[in-house]
Full PDB file with SEQRES, HELIX, SHEET, SSBOND, CRYST1, ORIGX, SCALE, CONECT and MASTER records, all heavy atoms in Angstrom:
SEQRES   1 A   41  PRO ARG ILE SER ALA ALA ILE ALA GLU ALA ARG ASP LYS          
SEQRES   2 A   41  GLY ASP LEU SER GLU ASN SER GLU TYR ASP ALA ALA LYS          
SEQRES   3 A   41  GLU ALA GLN GLY MET LEU GLU MET LYS ILE SER GLN LEU          
SEQRES   4 A   41  LYS ASP                                                      
HELIX    1 AA1 ARG A    2  ASP A   12  1                                  11    
HELIX    2 AA2 SER A   20  LYS A   40  1                                  21    
CRYST1    1.000    1.000    1.000  90.00  90.00  90.00 P 1           1          
ORIGX1      1.000000  0.000000  0.000000        0.00000                         
ORIGX2      0.000000  1.000000  0.000000        0.00000                         
ORIGX3      0.000000  0.000000  1.000000        0.00000                         
SCALE1      1.000000  0.000000  0.000000        0.00000                         
SCALE2      0.000000  1.000000  0.000000        0.00000                         
SCALE3      0.000000  0.000000  1.000000        0.00000                         
ATOM      1  N   PRO A   1       0.807  -1.320  -0.001  1.00  0.00           N  
ATOM      2  CA  PRO A   1      -0.003  -0.019   0.039  1.00  0.00           C  
ATOM      3  C   PRO A   1       0.841   1.258   0.042  1.00  0.00           C  
ATOM      4  O   PRO A   1       0.396   2.255  -0.632  1.00  0.00           O  
ATOM      5  CB  PRO A   1      -0.821  -0.126   1.316  1.00  0.00           C  
ATOM      6  CG  PRO A   1      -0.839  -1.585   1.540  1.00  0.00           C  
ATOM      7  CD  PRO A   1       0.453  -2.099   1.085  1.00  0.00           C  
ATOM      8  N   ARG A   2       2.022   1.208   0.676  1.00  0.00           N  
ATOM      9  CA  ARG A   2       2.839   2.393   0.744  1.00  0.00           C  
ATOM     10  C   ARG A   2       3.393   2.771  -0.677  1.00  0.00           C  
ATOM     11  O   ARG A   2       3.317   3.896  -1.091  1.00  0.00           O  
ATOM     12  CB  ARG A   2       4.052   2.115   1.656  1.00  0.00           C  
ATOM     13  CG  ARG A   2       4.989   3.365   1.757  1.00  0.00           C  
ATOM     14  CD  ARG A   2       6.168   3.071   2.611  1.00  0.00           C  
ATOM     15  NE  ARG A   2       7.058   2.131   2.097  1.00  0.00           N  
ATOM     16  CZ  ARG A   2       7.888   2.248   1.032  1.00  0.00           C  
ATOM     17  NH1 ARG A   2       8.031   3.494   0.497  1.00  0.00           N  
ATOM     18  NH2 ARG A   2       8.672   1.294   0.582  1.00  0.00           N  
ATOM     19  N   ILE A   3       3.845   1.689  -1.468  1.00  0.00           N  
ATOM     20  CA  ILE A   3       4.258   2.012  -2.777  1.00  0.00           C  
ATOM     21  C   ILE A   3       3.105   2.323  -3.725  1.00  0.00           C  
ATOM     22  O   ILE A   3       3.355   3.219  -4.558  1.00  0.00           O  
ATOM     23  CB  ILE A   3       5.084   0.784  -3.339  1.00  0.00           C  
ATOM     24  CG1 ILE A   3       6.405   0.535  -2.586  1.00  0.00           C  
ATOM     25  CG2 ILE A   3       5.220   0.821  -4.773  1.00  0.00           C  
ATOM     26  CD1 ILE A   3       7.271  -0.647  -2.833  1.00  0.00           C  
ATOM     27  N   SER A   4       2.007   1.741  -3.557  1.00  0.00           N  
ATOM     28  CA  SER A   4       0.888   2.248  -4.334  1.00  0.00           C  
ATOM     29  C   SER A   4       0.469   3.681  -4.154  1.00  0.00           C  
ATOM     30  O   SER A   4       0.224   4.367  -5.088  1.00  0.00           O  
ATOM     31  CB  SER A   4      -0.458   1.248  -4.007  1.00  0.00           C  
ATOM     32  OG  SER A   4      -0.199   0.008  -4.420  1.00  0.00           O  
ATOM     33  N   ALA A   5       0.574   4.155  -2.858  1.00  0.00           N  
ATOM     34  CA  ALA A   5       0.316   5.590  -2.580  1.00  0.00           C  
ATOM     35  C   ALA A   5       1.377   6.429  -3.231  1.00  0.00           C  
ATOM     36  O   ALA A   5       1.087   7.537  -3.789  1.00  0.00           O  
ATOM     37  CB  ALA A   5       0.368   5.697  -1.115  1.00  0.00           C  
ATOM     38  N   ALA A   6       2.656   5.871  -3.281  1.00  0.00           N  
ATOM     39  CA  ALA A   6       3.724   6.710  -3.875  1.00  0.00           C  
ATOM     40  C   ALA A   6       3.517   6.809  -5.383  1.00  0.00           C  
ATOM     41  O   ALA A   6       3.697   7.928  -5.988  1.00  0.00           O  
ATOM     42  CB  ALA A   6       5.064   6.105  -3.566  1.00  0.00           C  
ATOM     43  N   ILE A   7       3.083   5.784  -5.948  1.00  0.00           N  
ATOM     44  CA  ILE A   7       2.720   5.889  -7.480  1.00  0.00           C  
ATOM     45  C   ILE A   7       1.624   6.707  -7.743  1.00  0.00           C  
ATOM     46  O   ILE A   7       1.656   7.605  -8.647  1.00  0.00           O  
ATOM     47  CB  ILE A   7       2.338   4.384  -7.932  1.00  0.00           C  
ATOM     48  CG1 ILE A   7       3.585   3.531  -7.936  1.00  0.00           C  
ATOM     49  CG2 ILE A   7       1.792   4.448  -9.344  1.00  0.00           C  
ATOM     50  CD1 ILE A   7       3.369   1.961  -8.249  1.00  0.00           C  
ATOM     51  N   ALA A   8       0.575   6.717  -6.919  1.00  0.00           N  
ATOM     52  CA  ALA A   8      -0.607   7.689  -7.100  1.00  0.00           C  
ATOM     53  C   ALA A   8      -0.168   9.086  -6.925  1.00  0.00           C  
ATOM     54  O   ALA A   8      -0.610   9.896  -7.678  1.00  0.00           O  
ATOM     55  CB  ALA A   8      -1.680   7.257  -6.116  1.00  0.00           C  
ATOM     56  N   GLU A   9       0.678   9.359  -5.949  1.00  0.00           N  
ATOM     57  CA  GLU A   9       1.153  10.704  -5.713  1.00  0.00           C  
ATOM     58  C   GLU A   9       1.933  11.221  -6.929  1.00  0.00           C  
ATOM     59  O   GLU A   9       1.759  12.363  -7.328  1.00  0.00           O  
ATOM     60  CB  GLU A   9       2.014  10.793  -4.473  1.00  0.00           C  
ATOM     61  CG  GLU A   9       2.392  12.106  -4.076  1.00  0.00           C  
ATOM     62  CD  GLU A   9       3.233  12.126  -2.735  1.00  0.00           C  
ATOM     63  OE1 GLU A   9       2.901  11.406  -1.809  1.00  0.00           O  
ATOM     64  OE2 GLU A   9       4.174  12.930  -2.773  1.00  0.00           O  
ATOM     65  N   ALA A  10       2.755  10.372  -7.351  1.00  0.00           N  
ATOM     66  CA  ALA A  10       3.691  10.762  -8.519  1.00  0.00           C  
ATOM     67  C   ALA A  10       2.809  10.907  -9.750  1.00  0.00           C  
ATOM     68  O   ALA A  10       3.023  11.811 -10.603  1.00  0.00           O  
ATOM     69  CB  ALA A  10       4.726   9.726  -8.774  1.00  0.00           C  
ATOM     70  N   ARG A  11       1.840  10.119  -9.941  1.00  0.00           N  
ATOM     71  CA  ARG A  11       0.890  10.203 -11.103  1.00  0.00           C  
ATOM     72  C   ARG A  11       0.141  11.511 -11.107  1.00  0.00           C  
ATOM     73  O   ARG A  11      -0.116  12.100 -12.112  1.00  0.00           O  
ATOM     74  CB  ARG A  11      -0.042   9.003 -11.108  1.00  0.00           C  
ATOM     75  CG  ARG A  11      -0.941   8.911 -12.485  1.00  0.00           C  
ATOM     76  CD  ARG A  11      -1.858   7.840 -12.446  1.00  0.00           C  
ATOM     77  NE  ARG A  11      -1.206   6.464 -12.191  1.00  0.00           N  
ATOM     78  CZ  ARG A  11      -1.656   5.633 -11.149  1.00  0.00           C  
ATOM     79  NH1 ARG A  11      -2.646   5.897 -10.507  1.00  0.00           N  
ATOM     80  NH2 ARG A  11      -1.049   4.441 -11.139  1.00  0.00           N  
ATOM     81  N   ASP A  12      -0.176  12.054  -9.936  1.00  0.00           N  
ATOM     82  CA  ASP A  12      -0.945  13.234  -9.792  1.00  0.00           C  
ATOM     83  C   ASP A  12      -0.052  14.486 -10.175  1.00  0.00           C  
ATOM     84  O   ASP A  12      -0.642  15.548 -10.329  1.00  0.00           O  
ATOM     85  CB  ASP A  12      -1.516  13.427  -8.393  1.00  0.00           C  
ATOM     86  CG  ASP A  12      -2.604  12.414  -8.092  1.00  0.00           C  
ATOM     87  OD1 ASP A  12      -3.183  11.796  -8.920  1.00  0.00           O  
ATOM     88  OD2 ASP A  12      -2.796  12.151  -6.851  1.00  0.00           O  
ATOM     89  N   LYS A  13       1.195  14.352 -10.248  1.00  0.00           N  
ATOM     90  CA  LYS A  13       2.046  15.423 -10.534  1.00  0.00           C  
ATOM     91  C   LYS A  13       2.147  15.730 -11.887  1.00  0.00           C  
ATOM     92  O   LYS A  13       2.891  16.680 -12.388  1.00  0.00           O  
ATOM     93  CB  LYS A  13       3.474  15.236  -9.976  1.00  0.00           C  
ATOM     94  CG  LYS A  13       3.384  15.255  -8.458  1.00  0.00           C  
ATOM     95  CD  LYS A  13       4.779  15.016  -7.824  1.00  0.00           C  
ATOM     96  CE  LYS A  13       4.725  15.150  -6.346  1.00  0.00           C  
ATOM     97  NZ  LYS A  13       5.947  14.942  -5.681  1.00  0.00           N  
ATOM     98  N   GLY A  14       1.397  15.032 -12.870  1.00  0.00           N  
ATOM     99  CA  GLY A  14       1.442  15.430 -14.277  1.00  0.00           C  
ATOM    100  C   GLY A  14       2.061  14.445 -15.143  1.00  0.00           C  
ATOM    101  O   GLY A  14       1.878  13.277 -15.060  1.00  0.00           O  
ATOM    102  N   ASP A  15       2.773  14.999 -16.178  1.00  0.00           N  
ATOM    103  CA  ASP A  15       3.361  14.285 -17.315  1.00  0.00           C  
ATOM    104  C   ASP A  15       4.167  13.126 -16.835  1.00  0.00           C  
ATOM    105  O   ASP A  15       5.241  13.260 -16.206  1.00  0.00           O  
ATOM    106  CB  ASP A  15       4.178  15.241 -18.118  1.00  0.00           C  
ATOM    107  CG  ASP A  15       4.640  14.554 -19.416  1.00  0.00           C  
ATOM    108  OD1 ASP A  15       4.177  13.446 -19.821  1.00  0.00           O  
ATOM    109  OD2 ASP A  15       5.582  15.153 -20.067  1.00  0.00           O  
ATOM    110  N   LEU A  16       3.805  11.804 -17.238  1.00  0.00           N  
ATOM    111  CA  LEU A  16       4.467  10.647 -16.766  1.00  0.00           C  
ATOM    112  C   LEU A  16       5.659  10.333 -17.513  1.00  0.00           C  
ATOM    113  O   LEU A  16       6.623   9.701 -17.071  1.00  0.00           O  
ATOM    114  CB  LEU A  16       3.569   9.416 -16.861  1.00  0.00           C  
ATOM    115  CG  LEU A  16       2.263   9.502 -15.984  1.00  0.00           C  
ATOM    116  CD1 LEU A  16       1.517   8.197 -16.187  1.00  0.00           C  
ATOM    117  CD2 LEU A  16       2.616   9.728 -14.467  1.00  0.00           C  
ATOM    118  N   SER A  17       5.839  10.901 -18.700  1.00  0.00           N  
ATOM    119  CA  SER A  17       6.987  10.560 -19.593  1.00  0.00           C  
ATOM    120  C   SER A  17       8.322  11.259 -19.021  1.00  0.00           C  
ATOM    121  O   SER A  17       9.428  10.726 -19.235  1.00  0.00           O  
ATOM    122  CB  SER A  17       6.841  11.106 -21.020  1.00  0.00           C  
ATOM    123  OG  SER A  17       6.650  12.632 -21.065  1.00  0.00           O  
ATOM    124  N   GLU A  18       8.163  12.319 -18.246  1.00  0.00           N  
ATOM    125  CA  GLU A  18       9.380  12.978 -17.606  1.00  0.00           C  
ATOM    126  C   GLU A  18       9.331  12.942 -16.148  1.00  0.00           C  
ATOM    127  O   GLU A  18       9.957  13.847 -15.510  1.00  0.00           O  
ATOM    128  CB  GLU A  18       9.550  14.373 -18.173  1.00  0.00           C  
ATOM    129  CG  GLU A  18       9.780  14.473 -19.693  1.00  0.00           C  
ATOM    130  CD  GLU A  18       9.809  15.865 -20.182  1.00  0.00           C  
ATOM    131  OE1 GLU A  18       9.941  16.823 -19.353  1.00  0.00           O  
ATOM    132  OE2 GLU A  18       9.690  15.993 -21.415  1.00  0.00           O  
ATOM    133  N   ASN A  19       8.547  12.057 -15.572  1.00  0.00           N  
ATOM    134  CA  ASN A  19       8.413  12.112 -14.137  1.00  0.00           C  
ATOM    135  C   ASN A  19       9.270  10.939 -13.472  1.00  0.00           C  
ATOM    136  O   ASN A  19       8.952   9.675 -13.517  1.00  0.00           O  
ATOM    137  CB  ASN A  19       6.898  11.802 -13.805  1.00  0.00           C  
ATOM    138  CG  ASN A  19       6.553  12.023 -12.369  1.00  0.00           C  
ATOM    139  OD1 ASN A  19       7.420  11.865 -11.524  1.00  0.00           O  
ATOM    140  ND2 ASN A  19       5.315  12.367 -12.117  1.00  0.00           N  
ATOM    141  N   SER A  20      10.327  11.269 -12.928  1.00  0.00           N  
ATOM    142  CA  SER A  20      11.338  10.371 -12.357  1.00  0.00           C  
ATOM    143  C   SER A  20      10.776   9.667 -11.135  1.00  0.00           C  
ATOM    144  O   SER A  20      11.086   8.574 -10.818  1.00  0.00           O  
ATOM    145  CB  SER A  20      12.635  10.996 -12.096  1.00  0.00           C  
ATOM    146  OG  SER A  20      12.575  12.045 -11.216  1.00  0.00           O  
ATOM    147  N   GLU A  21       9.953  10.498 -10.361  1.00  0.00           N  
ATOM    148  CA  GLU A  21       9.327   9.911  -9.110  1.00  0.00           C  
ATOM    149  C   GLU A  21       8.487   8.797  -9.481  1.00  0.00           C  
ATOM    150  O   GLU A  21       8.426   7.714  -8.823  1.00  0.00           O  
ATOM    151  CB  GLU A  21       8.546  10.983  -8.438  1.00  0.00           C  
ATOM    152  CG  GLU A  21       9.365  11.973  -7.630  1.00  0.00           C  
ATOM    153  CD  GLU A  21       8.509  12.937  -6.829  1.00  0.00           C  
ATOM    154  OE1 GLU A  21       7.541  12.507  -6.188  1.00  0.00           O  
ATOM    155  OE2 GLU A  21       8.821  14.148  -7.040  1.00  0.00           O  
ATOM    156  N   TYR A  22       7.722   8.919 -10.542  1.00  0.00           N  
ATOM    157  CA  TYR A  22       6.812   7.839 -11.028  1.00  0.00           C  
ATOM    158  C   TYR A  22       7.555   6.619 -11.452  1.00  0.00           C  
ATOM    159  O   TYR A  22       7.219   5.480 -11.085  1.00  0.00           O  
ATOM    160  CB  TYR A  22       5.952   8.351 -12.193  1.00  0.00           C  
ATOM    161  CG  TYR A  22       4.986   7.307 -12.723  1.00  0.00           C  
ATOM    162  CD1 TYR A  22       3.768   7.097 -12.041  1.00  0.00           C  
ATOM    163  CD2 TYR A  22       5.312   6.652 -13.874  1.00  0.00           C  
ATOM    164  CE1 TYR A  22       2.958   6.057 -12.541  1.00  0.00           C  
ATOM    165  CE2 TYR A  22       4.358   5.675 -14.358  1.00  0.00           C  
ATOM    166  CZ  TYR A  22       3.208   5.386 -13.684  1.00  0.00           C  
ATOM    167  OH  TYR A  22       2.449   4.439 -14.260  1.00  0.00           O  
ATOM    168  N   ASP A  23       8.622   6.796 -12.240  1.00  0.00           N  
ATOM    169  CA  ASP A  23       9.462   5.765 -12.693  1.00  0.00           C  
ATOM    170  C   ASP A  23      10.142   4.988 -11.501  1.00  0.00           C  
ATOM    171  O   ASP A  23      10.090   3.736 -11.462  1.00  0.00           O  
ATOM    172  CB  ASP A  23      10.529   6.228 -13.597  1.00  0.00           C  
ATOM    173  CG  ASP A  23      10.112   6.769 -14.932  1.00  0.00           C  
ATOM    174  OD1 ASP A  23       8.971   6.362 -15.291  1.00  0.00           O  
ATOM    175  OD2 ASP A  23      10.689   7.508 -15.559  1.00  0.00           O  
ATOM    176  N   ALA A  24      10.614   5.735 -10.483  1.00  0.00           N  
ATOM    177  CA  ALA A  24      11.221   5.150  -9.223  1.00  0.00           C  
ATOM    178  C   ALA A  24      10.152   4.326  -8.549  1.00  0.00           C  
ATOM    179  O   ALA A  24      10.516   3.232  -8.020  1.00  0.00           O  
ATOM    180  CB  ALA A  24      11.871   6.125  -8.366  1.00  0.00           C  
ATOM    181  N   ALA A  25       8.997   4.866  -8.406  1.00  0.00           N  
ATOM    182  CA  ALA A  25       7.868   4.158  -7.574  1.00  0.00           C  
ATOM    183  C   ALA A  25       7.567   2.870  -8.319  1.00  0.00           C  
ATOM    184  O   ALA A  25       7.237   1.825  -7.689  1.00  0.00           O  
ATOM    185  CB  ALA A  25       6.728   5.138  -7.418  1.00  0.00           C  
ATOM    186  N   LYS A  26       7.436   2.951  -9.646  1.00  0.00           N  
ATOM    187  CA  LYS A  26       7.076   1.773 -10.422  1.00  0.00           C  
ATOM    188  C   LYS A  26       8.138   0.680 -10.392  1.00  0.00           C  
ATOM    189  O   LYS A  26       7.820  -0.514 -10.277  1.00  0.00           O  
ATOM    190  CB  LYS A  26       6.755   2.127 -11.916  1.00  0.00           C  
ATOM    191  CG  LYS A  26       5.506   2.834 -12.151  1.00  0.00           C  
ATOM    192  CD  LYS A  26       4.288   2.053 -11.848  1.00  0.00           C  
ATOM    193  CE  LYS A  26       3.910   1.086 -12.851  1.00  0.00           C  
ATOM    194  NZ  LYS A  26       2.743   0.390 -12.584  1.00  0.00           N  
ATOM    195  N   GLU A  27       9.368   1.127 -10.375  1.00  0.00           N  
ATOM    196  CA  GLU A  27      10.508   0.123 -10.188  1.00  0.00           C  
ATOM    197  C   GLU A  27      10.544  -0.478  -8.770  1.00  0.00           C  
ATOM    198  O   GLU A  27      10.685  -1.713  -8.633  1.00  0.00           O  
ATOM    199  CB  GLU A  27      11.832   0.849 -10.425  1.00  0.00           C  
ATOM    200  CG  GLU A  27      13.033  -0.117 -10.442  1.00  0.00           C  
ATOM    201  CD  GLU A  27      14.341   0.551 -10.764  1.00  0.00           C  
ATOM    202  OE1 GLU A  27      14.349   1.591 -11.523  1.00  0.00           O  
ATOM    203  OE2 GLU A  27      15.423   0.057 -10.302  1.00  0.00           O  
ATOM    204  N   ALA A  28      10.251   0.389  -7.824  1.00  0.00           N  
ATOM    205  CA  ALA A  28      10.163  -0.186  -6.392  1.00  0.00           C  
ATOM    206  C   ALA A  28       9.009  -1.160  -6.199  1.00  0.00           C  
ATOM    207  O   ALA A  28       9.183  -2.167  -5.690  1.00  0.00           O  
ATOM    208  CB  ALA A  28       9.894   0.960  -5.457  1.00  0.00           C  
ATOM    209  N   GLN A  29       7.956  -0.983  -7.032  1.00  0.00           N  
ATOM    210  CA  GLN A  29       6.711  -1.776  -7.006  1.00  0.00           C  
ATOM    211  C   GLN A  29       7.087  -3.259  -7.601  1.00  0.00           C  
ATOM    212  O   GLN A  29       6.829  -4.278  -7.115  1.00  0.00           O  
ATOM    213  CB  GLN A  29       5.606  -1.230  -7.729  1.00  0.00           C  
ATOM    214  CG  GLN A  29       4.342  -2.052  -7.716  1.00  0.00           C  
ATOM    215  CD  GLN A  29       3.248  -1.563  -8.633  1.00  0.00           C  
ATOM    216  OE1 GLN A  29       3.491  -0.982  -9.596  1.00  0.00           O  
ATOM    217  NE2 GLN A  29       2.037  -1.706  -8.116  1.00  0.00           N  
ATOM    218  N   GLY A  30       7.912  -3.082  -8.679  1.00  0.00           N  
ATOM    219  CA  GLY A  30       8.203  -4.288  -9.416  1.00  0.00           C  
ATOM    220  C   GLY A  30       9.211  -5.125  -8.518  1.00  0.00           C  
ATOM    221  O   GLY A  30       9.136  -6.362  -8.469  1.00  0.00           O  
ATOM    222  N   MET A  31      10.146  -4.480  -7.861  1.00  0.00           N  
ATOM    223  CA  MET A  31      11.094  -5.086  -6.980  1.00  0.00           C  
ATOM    224  C   MET A  31      10.420  -5.819  -5.791  1.00  0.00           C  
ATOM    225  O   MET A  31      10.623  -6.923  -5.365  1.00  0.00           O  
ATOM    226  CB  MET A  31      12.196  -4.135  -6.452  1.00  0.00           C  
ATOM    227  CG  MET A  31      13.121  -3.653  -7.539  1.00  0.00           C  
ATOM    228  SD  MET A  31      14.082  -4.777  -8.370  1.00  0.00           S  
ATOM    229  CE  MET A  31      15.333  -5.004  -7.227  1.00  0.00           C  
ATOM    230  N   LEU A  32       9.315  -5.116  -5.267  1.00  0.00           N  
ATOM    231  CA  LEU A  32       8.591  -5.534  -4.167  1.00  0.00           C  
ATOM    232  C   LEU A  32       7.782  -6.825  -4.519  1.00  0.00           C  
ATOM    233  O   LEU A  32       7.813  -7.857  -3.874  1.00  0.00           O  
ATOM    234  CB  LEU A  32       7.692  -4.523  -3.663  1.00  0.00           C  
ATOM    235  CG  LEU A  32       6.746  -5.014  -2.522  1.00  0.00           C  
ATOM    236  CD1 LEU A  32       7.518  -5.226  -1.210  1.00  0.00           C  
ATOM    237  CD2 LEU A  32       5.604  -4.032  -2.214  1.00  0.00           C  
ATOM    238  N   GLU A  33       7.145  -6.753  -5.724  1.00  0.00           N  
ATOM    239  CA  GLU A  33       6.366  -7.929  -6.155  1.00  0.00           C  
ATOM    240  C   GLU A  33       7.302  -9.057  -6.417  1.00  0.00           C  
ATOM    241  O   GLU A  33       6.891 -10.172  -6.223  1.00  0.00           O  
ATOM    242  CB  GLU A  33       5.540  -7.455  -7.433  1.00  0.00           C  
ATOM    243  CG  GLU A  33       4.468  -6.492  -7.213  1.00  0.00           C  
ATOM    244  CD  GLU A  33       3.402  -6.883  -6.182  1.00  0.00           C  
ATOM    245  OE1 GLU A  33       3.092  -8.124  -5.983  1.00  0.00           O  
ATOM    246  OE2 GLU A  33       2.994  -6.028  -5.413  1.00  0.00           O  
ATOM    247  N   MET A  34       8.517  -8.817  -6.966  1.00  0.00           N  
ATOM    248  CA  MET A  34       9.420  -9.970  -7.265  1.00  0.00           C  
ATOM    249  C   MET A  34       9.834 -10.611  -5.919  1.00  0.00           C  
ATOM    250  O   MET A  34       9.867 -11.858  -5.762  1.00  0.00           O  
ATOM    251  CB  MET A  34      10.680  -9.415  -7.914  1.00  0.00           C  
ATOM    252  CG  MET A  34      11.619 -10.529  -8.322  1.00  0.00           C  
ATOM    253  SD  MET A  34      13.023  -9.962  -9.244  1.00  0.00           S  
ATOM    254  CE  MET A  34      13.839  -8.969  -8.030  1.00  0.00           C  
ATOM    255  N   LYS A  35      10.107  -9.713  -4.884  1.00  0.00           N  
ATOM    256  CA  LYS A  35      10.504 -10.306  -3.588  1.00  0.00           C  
ATOM    257  C   LYS A  35       9.381 -11.123  -2.928  1.00  0.00           C  
ATOM    258  O   LYS A  35       9.614 -12.270  -2.483  1.00  0.00           O  
ATOM    259  CB  LYS A  35      10.882  -9.174  -2.619  1.00  0.00           C  
ATOM    260  CG  LYS A  35      11.390  -9.722  -1.257  1.00  0.00           C  
ATOM    261  CD  LYS A  35      11.990  -8.537  -0.464  1.00  0.00           C  
ATOM    262  CE  LYS A  35      12.632  -9.120   0.801  1.00  0.00           C  
ATOM    263  NZ  LYS A  35      13.400  -8.105   1.593  1.00  0.00           N  
ATOM    264  N   ILE A  36       8.048 -10.578  -3.025  1.00  0.00           N  
ATOM    265  CA  ILE A  36       6.976 -11.285  -2.516  1.00  0.00           C  
ATOM    266  C   ILE A  36       6.732 -12.693  -3.280  1.00  0.00           C  
ATOM    267  O   ILE A  36       6.602 -13.721  -2.549  1.00  0.00           O  
ATOM    268  CB  ILE A  36       5.664 -10.488  -2.637  1.00  0.00           C  
ATOM    269  CG1 ILE A  36       5.665  -9.316  -1.678  1.00  0.00           C  
ATOM    270  CG2 ILE A  36       4.392 -11.432  -2.335  1.00  0.00           C  
ATOM    271  CD1 ILE A  36       4.557  -8.315  -1.886  1.00  0.00           C  
ATOM    272  N   SER A  37       6.991 -12.696  -4.510  1.00  0.00           N  
ATOM    273  CA  SER A  37       6.821 -13.879  -5.323  1.00  0.00           C  
ATOM    274  C   SER A  37       7.908 -14.963  -4.945  1.00  0.00           C  
ATOM    275  O   SER A  37       7.621 -16.177  -4.769  1.00  0.00           O  
ATOM    276  CB  SER A  37       6.924 -13.571  -6.846  1.00  0.00           C  
ATOM    277  OG  SER A  37       6.994 -14.702  -7.602  1.00  0.00           O  
ATOM    278  N   GLN A  38       9.190 -14.403  -4.760  1.00  0.00           N  
ATOM    279  CA  GLN A  38      10.237 -15.321  -4.398  1.00  0.00           C  
ATOM    280  C   GLN A  38       9.968 -15.934  -2.978  1.00  0.00           C  
ATOM    281  O   GLN A  38      10.201 -17.154  -2.789  1.00  0.00           O  
ATOM    282  CB  GLN A  38      11.595 -14.556  -4.344  1.00  0.00           C  
ATOM    283  CG  GLN A  38      12.071 -14.316  -5.737  1.00  0.00           C  
ATOM    284  CD  GLN A  38      13.390 -13.349  -5.678  1.00  0.00           C  
ATOM    285  OE1 GLN A  38      13.625 -12.713  -4.711  1.00  0.00           O  
ATOM    286  NE2 GLN A  38      14.087 -13.447  -6.685  1.00  0.00           N  
ATOM    287  N   LEU A  39       9.541 -15.114  -2.039  1.00  0.00           N  
ATOM    288  CA  LEU A  39       9.241 -15.672  -0.759  1.00  0.00           C  
ATOM    289  C   LEU A  39       8.092 -16.733  -0.755  1.00  0.00           C  
ATOM    290  O   LEU A  39       8.153 -17.658  -0.053  1.00  0.00           O  
ATOM    291  CB  LEU A  39       8.837 -14.480   0.243  1.00  0.00           C  
ATOM    292  CG  LEU A  39       9.973 -13.705   0.721  1.00  0.00           C  
ATOM    293  CD1 LEU A  39       9.474 -12.366   1.470  1.00  0.00           C  
ATOM    294  CD2 LEU A  39      10.977 -14.422   1.622  1.00  0.00           C  
ATOM    295  N   LYS A  40       7.018 -16.363  -1.496  1.00  0.00           N  
ATOM    296  CA  LYS A  40       5.903 -17.396  -1.616  1.00  0.00           C  
ATOM    297  C   LYS A  40       6.301 -18.644  -2.277  1.00  0.00           C  
ATOM    298  O   LYS A  40       5.932 -19.805  -1.898  1.00  0.00           O  
ATOM    299  CB  LYS A  40       4.768 -16.695  -2.530  1.00  0.00           C  
ATOM    300  CG  LYS A  40       4.002 -15.741  -1.679  1.00  0.00           C  
ATOM    301  CD  LYS A  40       2.867 -15.196  -2.429  1.00  0.00           C  
ATOM    302  CE  LYS A  40       1.921 -14.384  -1.554  1.00  0.00           C  
ATOM    303  NZ  LYS A  40       0.704 -13.875  -2.279  1.00  0.00           N  
ATOM    304  N   ASP A  41       7.273 -18.579  -3.317  1.00  0.00           N  
ATOM    305  CA  ASP A  41       7.785 -19.775  -3.846  1.00  0.00           C  
ATOM    306  C   ASP A  41       8.639 -20.590  -2.837  1.00  0.00           C  
ATOM    307  O   ASP A  41       8.604 -21.803  -2.800  1.00  0.00           O  
ATOM    308  CB  ASP A  41       8.702 -19.481  -5.149  1.00  0.00           C  
ATOM    309  CG  ASP A  41       7.917 -19.095  -6.351  1.00  0.00           C  
ATOM    310  OD1 ASP A  41       6.675 -19.359  -6.358  1.00  0.00           O  
ATOM    311  OD2 ASP A  41       8.567 -18.637  -7.291  1.00  0.00           O  
TER     312      ASP A  41                                                      
MASTER        0    0    0    2    0    0    0    6  311    1    0    4          
END                                                                             
């Protein structure tokens, strides 16, 4: 939920093509989902 909130906040700041906060939050989300998947496996 913390990362989802960070993505939503970054999305609200406007143009996503030049939004580094959005890119960083999406990357953090990907890493988190990978870690959860590895632990579940």
